[in-house]
Amino acid sequence: MVGKVGPANVTLANVGERAGYSRGLATHHFGSKGALMQRLVETVTHQFRNAMFDRGESTDPVVELRALIGIYFDVMADLQPVNRARLVLWADAVAHPASETRATMVAADREFREEIEKRIALAMTAGLAPTTIHPQGLATAVVAVLRGVALQSLMDDDVDLQAARGEVEALLIHRFRTEQEEDRS
């Protein structure tokens, strides 16, 4: 429901009705709209975290990073209501800084960036990426590109997710070229 109408248009009464229960059940269970939104953000963030990070680690951080990007695009290609709600809540937290869910969304974004940053730093340590990369800066740019593509695809059915995925991967492959590879080319 949040993914379709936005958090501002959600009421506890229409959540209860939509779930097929009394209008007051959501109020009884959550107490307030803020508590409902907070629980939704926590649930959606937990599901996102499981999809992105809880699948075991590869020994190659570059392969892991490409896999994370692939999972992100797979989720976007088959966008479920819970993932749409996450993007809508993220956009709402940007548009409304006083939002009750903003702190949770900021924490989730930081966690996502830090996971990507960790893989970039591991690639650098392993000699799989140039030492000129700024891990936090690149992680921020990767999340920005992924989020931007996701928001564009929410607004415009004409966005080609496969083409965007290929370009994001190509950008990373280029950025991960080591100085030795550049000397040989």
N, C-alpha and C. Protein backbone atom coordinates (compact mmCIF):
# COMPACT_ATOMS: atom_id res chain seq x y z
N MET A 1 0.82 -1.18 0.00
CA MET A 1 0.00 0.00 0.00
C MET A 1 0.88 1.27 0.00
N VAL A 2 1.92 1.29 0.83
CA VAL A 2 2.80 2.45 0.89
C VAL A 2 3.46 2.69 -0.46
N GLY A 3 3.84 1.61 -1.14
CA GLY A 3 4.48 1.72 -2.44
C GLY A 3 3.58 2.30 -3.52
N LYS A 4 2.27 2.18 -3.34
CA LYS A 4 1.34 2.70 -4.35
C LYS A 4 0.83 4.10 -4.04
N VAL A 5 0.56 4.38 -2.78
CA VAL A 5 -0.06 5.67 -2.45
C VAL A 5 0.89 6.62 -1.71
N GLY A 6 2.03 6.11 -1.25
CA GLY A 6 2.98 6.93 -0.51
C GLY A 6 2.63 6.99 0.96
N PRO A 7 3.62 7.19 1.81
CA PRO A 7 3.39 7.18 3.25
C PRO A 7 2.42 8.25 3.73
N ALA A 8 2.41 9.40 3.09
CA ALA A 8 1.53 10.49 3.53
C ALA A 8 0.05 10.12 3.41
N ASN A 9 -0.29 9.25 2.47
CA ASN A 9 -1.69 8.90 2.23
C ASN A 9 -2.12 7.62 2.94
N VAL A 10 -1.25 7.04 3.71
CA VAL A 10 -1.59 5.83 4.45
C VAL A 10 -2.16 6.22 5.81
N THR A 11 -3.25 5.57 6.16
CA THR A 11 -3.81 5.74 7.51
C THR A 11 -3.92 4.36 8.14
N LEU A 12 -3.95 4.33 9.46
CA LEU A 12 -4.10 3.05 10.15
C LEU A 12 -5.44 2.41 9.79
N ALA A 13 -6.45 3.23 9.60
CA ALA A 13 -7.77 2.70 9.25
C ALA A 13 -7.74 2.01 7.88
N ASN A 14 -7.12 2.64 6.86
CA ASN A 14 -7.11 1.99 5.55
C ASN A 14 -6.16 0.80 5.52
N VAL A 15 -5.15 0.78 6.37
CA VAL A 15 -4.29 -0.41 6.46
C VAL A 15 -5.10 -1.58 7.01
N GLY A 16 -5.86 -1.34 8.09
CA GLY A 16 -6.70 -2.39 8.66
C GLY A 16 -7.72 -2.90 7.66
N GLU A 17 -8.37 -1.99 6.96
CA GLU A 17 -9.36 -2.38 5.95
C GLU A 17 -8.72 -3.18 4.83
N ARG A 18 -7.59 -2.70 4.34
CA ARG A 18 -6.90 -3.37 3.23
C ARG A 18 -6.47 -4.79 3.61
N ALA A 19 -6.12 -4.97 4.88
CA ALA A 19 -5.72 -6.29 5.36
C ALA A 19 -6.92 -7.20 5.61
N GLY A 20 -8.13 -6.64 5.48
CA GLY A 20 -9.33 -7.45 5.67
C GLY A 20 -9.76 -7.54 7.13
N TYR A 21 -9.27 -6.63 7.93
CA TYR A 21 -9.62 -6.62 9.35
C TYR A 21 -10.37 -5.34 9.66
N SER A 22 -10.68 -5.17 10.92
CA SER A 22 -11.38 -3.95 11.30
C SER A 22 -10.47 -2.75 11.15
N ARG A 23 -11.08 -1.60 11.03
CA ARG A 23 -10.32 -0.36 10.87
C ARG A 23 -9.44 -0.08 12.07
N GLY A 24 -9.85 -0.58 13.24
CA GLY A 24 -9.13 -0.28 14.46
C GLY A 24 -8.03 -1.27 14.81
N LEU A 25 -7.94 -2.39 14.09
CA LEU A 25 -6.95 -3.41 14.45
C LEU A 25 -5.52 -2.89 14.28
N ALA A 26 -5.25 -2.18 13.21
CA ALA A 26 -3.90 -1.64 13.00
C ALA A 26 -3.56 -0.64 14.10
N THR A 27 -4.53 0.16 14.50
CA THR A 27 -4.32 1.11 15.59
C THR A 27 -4.02 0.35 16.88
N HIS A 28 -4.80 -0.69 17.14
CA HIS A 28 -4.58 -1.49 18.35
C HIS A 28 -3.19 -2.14 18.32
N HIS A 29 -2.79 -2.66 17.18
CA HIS A 29 -1.53 -3.40 17.08
C HIS A 29 -0.32 -2.47 17.09
N PHE A 30 -0.38 -1.35 16.36
CA PHE A 30 0.79 -0.48 16.22
C PHE A 30 0.74 0.76 17.11
N GLY A 31 -0.44 1.23 17.42
CA GLY A 31 -0.58 2.40 18.28
C GLY A 31 -0.56 3.73 17.55
N SER A 32 0.28 3.83 16.52
CA SER A 32 0.35 5.08 15.76
C SER A 32 0.84 4.78 14.35
N LYS A 33 0.58 5.72 13.47
CA LYS A 33 1.06 5.58 12.10
C LYS A 33 2.59 5.57 12.07
N GLY A 34 3.21 6.39 12.92
CA GLY A 34 4.67 6.42 12.99
C GLY A 34 5.24 5.06 13.36
N ALA A 35 4.62 4.39 14.32
CA ALA A 35 5.09 3.06 14.73
C ALA A 35 4.90 2.05 13.60
N LEU A 36 3.79 2.16 12.87
CA LEU A 36 3.56 1.29 11.72
C LEU A 36 4.62 1.51 10.65
N MET A 37 4.91 2.77 10.34
CA MET A 37 5.92 3.08 9.32
C MET A 37 7.31 2.60 9.77
N GLN A 38 7.61 2.78 11.05
CA GLN A 38 8.89 2.32 11.56
C GLN A 38 9.03 0.81 11.42
N ARG A 39 7.97 0.07 11.75
CA ARG A 39 7.99 -1.39 11.62
C ARG A 39 8.13 -1.79 10.15
N LEU A 40 7.45 -1.07 9.27
CA LEU A 40 7.56 -1.36 7.84
C LEU A 40 8.99 -1.15 7.36
N VAL A 41 9.60 -0.04 7.75
CA VAL A 41 10.98 0.23 7.35
C VAL A 41 11.91 -0.87 7.87
N GLU A 42 11.74 -1.26 9.12
CA GLU A 42 12.58 -2.31 9.70
C GLU A 42 12.41 -3.63 8.95
N THR A 43 11.17 -3.99 8.65
CA THR A 43 10.89 -5.24 7.94
C THR A 43 11.47 -5.22 6.54
N VAL A 44 11.23 -4.14 5.83
CA VAL A 44 11.71 -4.02 4.46
C VAL A 44 13.25 -4.00 4.43
N THR A 45 13.86 -3.30 5.38
CA THR A 45 15.31 -3.24 5.46
C THR A 45 15.89 -4.62 5.76
N HIS A 46 15.26 -5.35 6.65
CA HIS A 46 15.71 -6.71 6.97
C HIS A 46 15.64 -7.61 5.73
N GLN A 47 14.54 -7.54 4.99
CA GLN A 47 14.41 -8.35 3.77
C GLN A 47 15.44 -7.95 2.73
N PHE A 48 15.67 -6.65 2.59
CA PHE A 48 16.67 -6.17 1.64
C PHE A 48 18.06 -6.67 2.04
N ARG A 49 18.38 -6.56 3.32
CA ARG A 49 19.67 -7.03 3.83
C ARG A 49 19.85 -8.52 3.55
N ASN A 50 18.82 -9.30 3.80
CA ASN A 50 18.91 -10.74 3.54
C ASN A 50 19.15 -11.02 2.06
N ALA A 51 18.45 -10.32 1.21
CA ALA A 51 18.61 -10.54 -0.24
C ALA A 51 20.00 -10.13 -0.71
N MET A 52 20.54 -9.08 -0.15
CA MET A 52 21.80 -8.54 -0.64
C MET A 52 23.04 -9.15 0.01
N PHE A 53 22.97 -9.46 1.30
CA PHE A 53 24.22 -9.78 2.00
C PHE A 53 24.27 -11.14 2.69
N ASP A 54 23.16 -11.75 2.96
CA ASP A 54 23.18 -12.98 3.74
C ASP A 54 23.17 -14.22 2.86
N ARG A 55 24.14 -14.32 1.99
CA ARG A 55 24.19 -15.47 1.09
C ARG A 55 25.59 -16.08 1.02
N GLY A 56 26.39 -15.77 2.00
CA GLY A 56 27.75 -16.30 2.01
C GLY A 56 28.66 -15.40 1.18
N GLU A 57 29.92 -15.40 1.53
CA GLU A 57 30.85 -14.52 0.84
C GLU A 57 31.74 -15.32 -0.10
N SER A 58 32.07 -14.73 -1.20
CA SER A 58 33.00 -15.29 -2.17
C SER A 58 34.40 -14.94 -1.71
N THR A 59 35.37 -15.58 -2.28
CA THR A 59 36.75 -15.24 -1.96
C THR A 59 37.24 -14.07 -2.80
N ASP A 60 36.46 -13.66 -3.78
CA ASP A 60 36.84 -12.56 -4.67
C ASP A 60 35.89 -11.39 -4.44
N PRO A 61 36.37 -10.29 -3.82
CA PRO A 61 35.49 -9.16 -3.53
C PRO A 61 34.92 -8.49 -4.78
N VAL A 62 35.63 -8.55 -5.89
CA VAL A 62 35.11 -7.97 -7.13
C VAL A 62 33.92 -8.80 -7.63
N VAL A 63 34.03 -10.10 -7.55
CA VAL A 63 32.91 -10.98 -7.92
C VAL A 63 31.72 -10.72 -7.00
N GLU A 64 32.00 -10.54 -5.71
CA GLU A 64 30.93 -10.23 -4.75
C GLU A 64 30.24 -8.92 -5.10
N LEU A 65 31.03 -7.91 -5.43
CA LEU A 65 30.45 -6.61 -5.76
C LEU A 65 29.58 -6.71 -7.00
N ARG A 66 30.06 -7.41 -8.00
CA ARG A 66 29.25 -7.60 -9.21
C ARG A 66 27.98 -8.39 -8.89
N ALA A 67 28.09 -9.37 -7.99
CA ALA A 67 26.91 -10.14 -7.59
C ALA A 67 25.90 -9.25 -6.88
N LEU A 68 26.37 -8.36 -6.01
CA LEU A 68 25.46 -7.44 -5.32
C LEU A 68 24.72 -6.55 -6.32
N ILE A 69 25.45 -6.06 -7.30
CA ILE A 69 24.83 -5.24 -8.33
C ILE A 69 23.81 -6.06 -9.11
N GLY A 70 24.17 -7.28 -9.43
CA GLY A 70 23.24 -8.17 -10.13
C GLY A 70 21.97 -8.42 -9.34
N ILE A 71 22.12 -8.66 -8.04
CA ILE A 71 20.94 -8.88 -7.19
C ILE A 71 20.07 -7.63 -7.17
N TYR A 72 20.69 -6.48 -7.06
CA TYR A 72 19.93 -5.23 -7.03
C TYR A 72 19.10 -5.10 -8.31
N PHE A 73 19.72 -5.36 -9.45
CA PHE A 73 18.99 -5.25 -10.71
C PHE A 73 17.94 -6.35 -10.85
N ASP A 74 18.21 -7.54 -10.35
CA ASP A 74 17.21 -8.60 -10.37
C ASP A 74 15.98 -8.22 -9.56
N VAL A 75 16.21 -7.61 -8.39
CA VAL A 75 15.10 -7.15 -7.56
C VAL A 75 14.29 -6.09 -8.31
N MET A 76 14.99 -5.18 -9.00
CA MET A 76 14.29 -4.13 -9.74
C MET A 76 13.51 -4.70 -10.92
N ALA A 77 14.04 -5.73 -11.55
CA ALA A 77 13.37 -6.31 -12.71
C ALA A 77 12.08 -7.02 -12.32
N ASP A 78 12.01 -7.52 -11.10
CA ASP A 78 10.82 -8.21 -10.59
C ASP A 78 10.41 -7.53 -9.30
N LEU A 79 10.05 -6.26 -9.39
CA LEU A 79 9.82 -5.43 -8.22
C LEU A 79 8.57 -5.88 -7.45
N GLN A 80 8.81 -6.37 -6.27
CA GLN A 80 7.73 -6.79 -5.38
C GLN A 80 7.23 -5.58 -4.59
N PRO A 81 6.00 -5.62 -4.10
CA PRO A 81 5.46 -4.47 -3.35
C PRO A 81 6.35 -4.02 -2.19
N VAL A 82 6.96 -4.95 -1.49
CA VAL A 82 7.80 -4.58 -0.35
C VAL A 82 9.03 -3.80 -0.81
N ASN A 83 9.60 -4.14 -1.94
CA ASN A 83 10.76 -3.41 -2.45
C ASN A 83 10.36 -2.06 -3.02
N ARG A 84 9.20 -2.01 -3.64
CA ARG A 84 8.68 -0.72 -4.10
C ARG A 84 8.45 0.20 -2.90
N ALA A 85 7.90 -0.36 -1.83
CA ALA A 85 7.65 0.43 -0.61
C ALA A 85 8.96 0.97 -0.06
N ARG A 86 10.03 0.18 -0.11
CA ARG A 86 11.33 0.63 0.38
C ARG A 86 11.81 1.86 -0.41
N LEU A 87 11.69 1.80 -1.73
CA LEU A 87 12.12 2.93 -2.55
C LEU A 87 11.26 4.17 -2.29
N VAL A 88 9.96 3.96 -2.13
CA VAL A 88 9.06 5.07 -1.85
C VAL A 88 9.39 5.68 -0.48
N LEU A 89 9.64 4.82 0.51
CA LEU A 89 10.01 5.31 1.84
C LEU A 89 11.34 6.06 1.80
N TRP A 90 12.29 5.55 0.99
CA TRP A 90 13.57 6.24 0.86
C TRP A 90 13.36 7.62 0.26
N ALA A 91 12.59 7.70 -0.82
CA ALA A 91 12.32 8.99 -1.46
C ALA A 91 11.58 9.92 -0.50
N ASP A 92 10.66 9.38 0.28
CA ASP A 92 9.93 10.19 1.26
C ASP A 92 10.88 10.74 2.33
N ALA A 93 11.83 9.92 2.75
CA ALA A 93 12.80 10.38 3.76
C ALA A 93 13.67 11.50 3.21
N VAL A 94 13.94 11.47 1.91
CA VAL A 94 14.70 12.55 1.27
C VAL A 94 13.84 13.81 1.18
N ALA A 95 12.59 13.64 0.76
CA ALA A 95 11.70 14.79 0.56
C ALA A 95 11.22 15.41 1.86
N HIS A 96 11.17 14.60 2.91
CA HIS A 96 10.65 15.09 4.20
C HIS A 96 11.66 14.77 5.30
N PRO A 97 12.64 15.66 5.50
CA PRO A 97 13.70 15.40 6.48
C PRO A 97 13.20 15.14 7.90
N ALA A 98 12.02 15.61 8.24
CA ALA A 98 11.48 15.39 9.59
C ALA A 98 10.72 14.07 9.69
N SER A 99 10.73 13.29 8.63
CA SER A 99 10.02 12.01 8.60
C SER A 99 10.42 11.12 9.76
N GLU A 100 9.43 10.40 10.31
CA GLU A 100 9.69 9.51 11.45
C GLU A 100 10.59 8.33 11.07
N THR A 101 10.66 8.03 9.79
CA THR A 101 11.44 6.87 9.35
C THR A 101 12.82 7.26 8.82
N ARG A 102 13.11 8.54 8.75
CA ARG A 102 14.36 8.99 8.14
C ARG A 102 15.60 8.38 8.80
N ALA A 103 15.67 8.37 10.11
CA ALA A 103 16.85 7.84 10.80
C ALA A 103 17.08 6.38 10.45
N THR A 104 16.02 5.62 10.36
CA THR A 104 16.15 4.20 10.01
C THR A 104 16.60 4.05 8.56
N MET A 105 16.08 4.87 7.68
CA MET A 105 16.48 4.80 6.27
C MET A 105 17.94 5.22 6.10
N VAL A 106 18.36 6.24 6.84
CA VAL A 106 19.76 6.68 6.78
C VAL A 106 20.67 5.55 7.26
N ALA A 107 20.29 4.89 8.35
CA ALA A 107 21.10 3.78 8.88
C ALA A 107 21.18 2.64 7.87
N ALA A 108 20.07 2.33 7.22
CA ALA A 108 20.06 1.26 6.22
C ALA A 108 20.93 1.62 5.02
N ASP A 109 20.87 2.88 4.59
CA ASP A 109 21.71 3.33 3.48
C ASP A 109 23.20 3.25 3.85
N ARG A 110 23.52 3.66 5.05
CA ARG A 110 24.91 3.58 5.51
C ARG A 110 25.40 2.14 5.50
N GLU A 111 24.55 1.24 5.98
CA GLU A 111 24.93 -0.17 6.00
C GLU A 111 25.20 -0.68 4.58
N PHE A 112 24.34 -0.32 3.65
CA PHE A 112 24.50 -0.74 2.25
C PHE A 112 25.82 -0.20 1.69
N ARG A 113 26.07 1.10 1.89
CA ARG A 113 27.33 1.70 1.41
C ARG A 113 28.54 1.05 2.05
N GLU A 114 28.46 0.80 3.35
CA GLU A 114 29.59 0.19 4.06
C GLU A 114 29.88 -1.23 3.56
N GLU A 115 28.85 -1.98 3.21
CA GLU A 115 29.07 -3.33 2.66
C GLU A 115 29.80 -3.23 1.32
N ILE A 116 29.40 -2.29 0.51
CA ILE A 116 30.06 -2.10 -0.79
C ILE A 116 31.48 -1.58 -0.57
N GLU A 117 31.63 -0.62 0.34
CA GLU A 117 32.95 -0.07 0.65
C GLU A 117 33.89 -1.17 1.14
N LYS A 118 33.38 -2.06 1.97
CA LYS A 118 34.20 -3.15 2.50
C LYS A 118 34.72 -4.03 1.36
N ARG A 119 33.90 -4.32 0.40
CA ARG A 119 34.33 -5.15 -0.73
C ARG A 119 35.35 -4.42 -1.61
N ILE A 120 35.17 -3.12 -1.77
CA ILE A 120 36.14 -2.33 -2.53
C ILE A 120 37.49 -2.33 -1.82
N ALA A 121 37.48 -2.10 -0.52
CA ALA A 121 38.73 -2.08 0.25
C ALA A 121 39.41 -3.45 0.19
N LEU A 122 38.64 -4.53 0.28
CA LEU A 122 39.22 -5.87 0.18
C LEU A 122 39.86 -6.09 -1.19
N ALA A 123 39.20 -5.61 -2.23
CA ALA A 123 39.75 -5.74 -3.59
C ALA A 123 41.07 -4.98 -3.70
N MET A 124 41.13 -3.82 -3.09
CA MET A 124 42.37 -3.03 -3.12
C MET A 124 43.48 -3.76 -2.36
N THR A 125 43.15 -4.28 -1.20
CA THR A 125 44.14 -5.00 -0.39
C THR A 125 44.67 -6.22 -1.13
N ALA A 126 43.78 -6.88 -1.89
CA ALA A 126 44.17 -8.08 -2.63
C ALA A 126 44.87 -7.76 -3.94
N GLY A 127 45.04 -6.48 -4.25
CA GLY A 127 45.69 -6.09 -5.50
C GLY A 127 44.78 -6.22 -6.71
N LEU A 128 43.47 -6.33 -6.47
CA LEU A 128 42.50 -6.48 -7.57
C LEU A 128 41.92 -5.14 -8.02
N ALA A 129 42.33 -4.08 -7.34
CA ALA A 129 41.83 -2.74 -7.67
C ALA A 129 42.95 -1.75 -7.39
N PRO A 130 42.99 -0.67 -8.14
CA PRO A 130 44.06 0.31 -7.95
C PRO A 130 43.95 1.01 -6.59
N THR A 131 45.08 1.39 -6.08
CA THR A 131 45.12 2.08 -4.79
C THR A 131 44.63 3.52 -4.90
N THR A 132 44.34 3.98 -6.11
CA THR A 132 43.84 5.34 -6.30
C THR A 132 42.34 5.45 -6.02
N ILE A 133 41.69 4.33 -5.85
CA ILE A 133 40.24 4.35 -5.54
C ILE A 133 40.05 4.83 -4.11
N HIS A 134 39.05 5.66 -3.91
CA HIS A 134 38.62 6.06 -2.58
C HIS A 134 37.40 5.18 -2.27
N PRO A 135 37.55 4.16 -1.41
CA PRO A 135 36.46 3.20 -1.20
C PRO A 135 35.12 3.81 -0.82
N GLN A 136 35.14 4.78 0.11
CA GLN A 136 33.87 5.38 0.51
C GLN A 136 33.26 6.19 -0.63
N GLY A 137 34.11 6.91 -1.35
CA GLY A 137 33.60 7.70 -2.48
C GLY A 137 33.01 6.82 -3.57
N LEU A 138 33.71 5.74 -3.91
CA LEU A 138 33.19 4.85 -4.94
C LEU A 138 31.93 4.14 -4.47
N ALA A 139 31.90 3.73 -3.21
CA ALA A 139 30.69 3.07 -2.67
C ALA A 139 29.50 4.03 -2.73
N THR A 140 29.72 5.28 -2.39
CA THR A 140 28.65 6.28 -2.45
C THR A 140 28.16 6.45 -3.89
N ALA A 141 29.09 6.51 -4.83
CA ALA A 141 28.72 6.65 -6.24
C ALA A 141 27.95 5.43 -6.74
N VAL A 142 28.36 4.24 -6.34
CA VAL A 142 27.67 3.01 -6.76
C VAL A 142 26.24 3.02 -6.24
N VAL A 143 26.06 3.33 -4.95
CA VAL A 143 24.70 3.37 -4.39
C VAL A 143 23.87 4.44 -5.09
N ALA A 144 24.48 5.58 -5.38
CA ALA A 144 23.75 6.65 -6.07
C ALA A 144 23.28 6.21 -7.44
N VAL A 145 24.14 5.52 -8.17
CA VAL A 145 23.75 5.04 -9.50
C VAL A 145 22.64 4.00 -9.38
N LEU A 146 22.79 3.06 -8.46
CA LEU A 146 21.77 2.02 -8.30
C LEU A 146 20.43 2.64 -7.91
N ARG A 147 20.46 3.53 -6.93
CA ARG A 147 19.22 4.16 -6.46
C ARG A 147 18.61 5.01 -7.56
N GLY A 148 19.46 5.72 -8.31
CA GLY A 148 18.95 6.55 -9.40
C GLY A 148 18.26 5.73 -10.48
N VAL A 149 18.87 4.62 -10.84
CA VAL A 149 18.26 3.73 -11.84
C VAL A 149 16.94 3.19 -11.30
N ALA A 150 16.93 2.80 -10.02
CA ALA A 150 15.72 2.25 -9.42
C ALA A 150 14.58 3.28 -9.44
N LEU A 151 14.89 4.50 -9.05
CA LEU A 151 13.85 5.53 -9.04
C LEU A 151 13.37 5.87 -10.45
N GLN A 152 14.31 5.90 -11.41
CA GLN A 152 13.90 6.14 -12.79
C GLN A 152 12.96 5.04 -13.27
N SER A 153 13.27 3.79 -12.93
CA SER A 153 12.43 2.69 -13.41
C SER A 153 11.06 2.69 -12.73
N LEU A 154 10.97 3.24 -11.52
CA LEU A 154 9.66 3.38 -10.88
C LEU A 154 8.79 4.39 -11.63
N MET A 155 9.45 5.44 -12.13
CA MET A 155 8.71 6.51 -12.80
C MET A 155 8.46 6.23 -14.27
N ASP A 156 9.32 5.44 -14.90
CA ASP A 156 9.28 5.30 -16.35
C ASP A 156 9.47 3.83 -16.74
N ASP A 157 8.43 3.22 -17.24
CA ASP A 157 8.50 1.81 -17.65
C ASP A 157 9.45 1.59 -18.82
N ASP A 158 9.89 2.66 -19.45
CA ASP A 158 10.75 2.55 -20.62
C ASP A 158 12.24 2.41 -20.26
N VAL A 159 12.57 2.44 -18.96
CA VAL A 159 13.97 2.29 -18.54
C VAL A 159 14.40 0.85 -18.81
N ASP A 160 15.52 0.71 -19.48
CA ASP A 160 16.07 -0.61 -19.83
C ASP A 160 17.03 -1.04 -18.72
N LEU A 161 16.52 -1.87 -17.80
CA LEU A 161 17.32 -2.29 -16.65
C LEU A 161 18.52 -3.14 -17.06
N GLN A 162 18.37 -3.98 -18.07
CA GLN A 162 19.50 -4.81 -18.52
C GLN A 162 20.62 -3.94 -19.07
N ALA A 163 20.27 -2.95 -19.87
CA ALA A 163 21.28 -2.05 -20.41
C ALA A 163 21.95 -1.26 -19.29
N ALA A 164 21.17 -0.79 -18.33
CA ALA A 164 21.73 -0.03 -17.21
C ALA A 164 22.66 -0.92 -16.39
N ARG A 165 22.26 -2.15 -16.17
CA ARG A 165 23.11 -3.09 -15.42
C ARG A 165 24.45 -3.29 -16.13
N GLY A 166 24.40 -3.49 -17.42
CA GLY A 166 25.63 -3.67 -18.19
C GLY A 166 26.55 -2.47 -18.09
N GLU A 167 25.98 -1.28 -18.13
CA GLU A 167 26.78 -0.06 -18.04
C GLU A 167 27.38 0.12 -16.64
N VAL A 168 26.62 -0.19 -15.60
CA VAL A 168 27.15 -0.08 -14.24
C VAL A 168 28.31 -1.06 -14.07
N GLU A 169 28.13 -2.29 -14.54
CA GLU A 169 29.21 -3.27 -14.45
C GLU A 169 30.43 -2.83 -15.25
N ALA A 170 30.21 -2.27 -16.45
CA ALA A 170 31.33 -1.81 -17.27
C ALA A 170 32.08 -0.66 -16.58
N LEU A 171 31.34 0.24 -15.95
CA LEU A 171 31.99 1.33 -15.22
C LEU A 171 32.86 0.79 -14.09
N LEU A 172 32.35 -0.19 -13.36
CA LEU A 172 33.13 -0.76 -12.27
C LEU A 172 34.35 -1.52 -12.78
N ILE A 173 34.15 -2.28 -13.84
CA ILE A 173 35.28 -3.02 -14.41
C ILE A 173 36.37 -2.05 -14.82
N HIS A 174 35.98 -0.95 -15.46
CA HIS A 174 36.95 0.06 -15.86
C HIS A 174 37.64 0.67 -14.63
N ARG A 175 36.87 0.98 -13.62
CA ARG A 175 37.44 1.62 -12.42
C ARG A 175 38.35 0.66 -11.67
N PHE A 176 38.10 -0.62 -11.79
CA PHE A 176 38.90 -1.61 -11.06
C PHE A 176 40.14 -2.04 -11.81
N ARG A 177 40.35 -1.49 -12.98
CA ARG A 177 41.58 -1.81 -13.71
C ARG A 177 42.77 -1.34 -12.90
N THR A 178 43.70 -2.22 -12.67
CA THR A 178 44.89 -1.85 -11.90
C THR A 178 45.87 -1.10 -12.79
N GLU A 179 46.81 -0.44 -12.14
CA GLU A 179 47.81 0.31 -12.88
C GLU A 179 48.59 -0.61 -13.82
N GLN A 180 48.85 -1.86 -13.40
CA GLN A 180 49.58 -2.80 -14.24
C GLN A 180 48.79 -3.11 -15.52
N GLU A 181 47.48 -3.25 -15.40
CA GLU A 181 46.67 -3.52 -16.60
C GLU A 181 46.66 -2.32 -17.52
N GLU A 182 46.62 -1.12 -16.96
CA GLU A 182 46.64 0.09 -17.78
C GLU A 182 47.97 0.26 -18.48
N ASP A 183 49.08 -0.13 -17.82
CA ASP A 183 50.40 -0.05 -18.44
C ASP A 183 50.50 -0.98 -19.65
N ARG A 184 49.82 -2.14 -19.57
CA ARG A 184 49.88 -3.11 -20.66
C ARG A 184 49.01 -2.71 -21.85
N SER A 185 48.02 -1.83 -21.63
CA SER A 185 47.14 -1.48 -22.74
C SER A 185 47.61 -0.33 -23.56
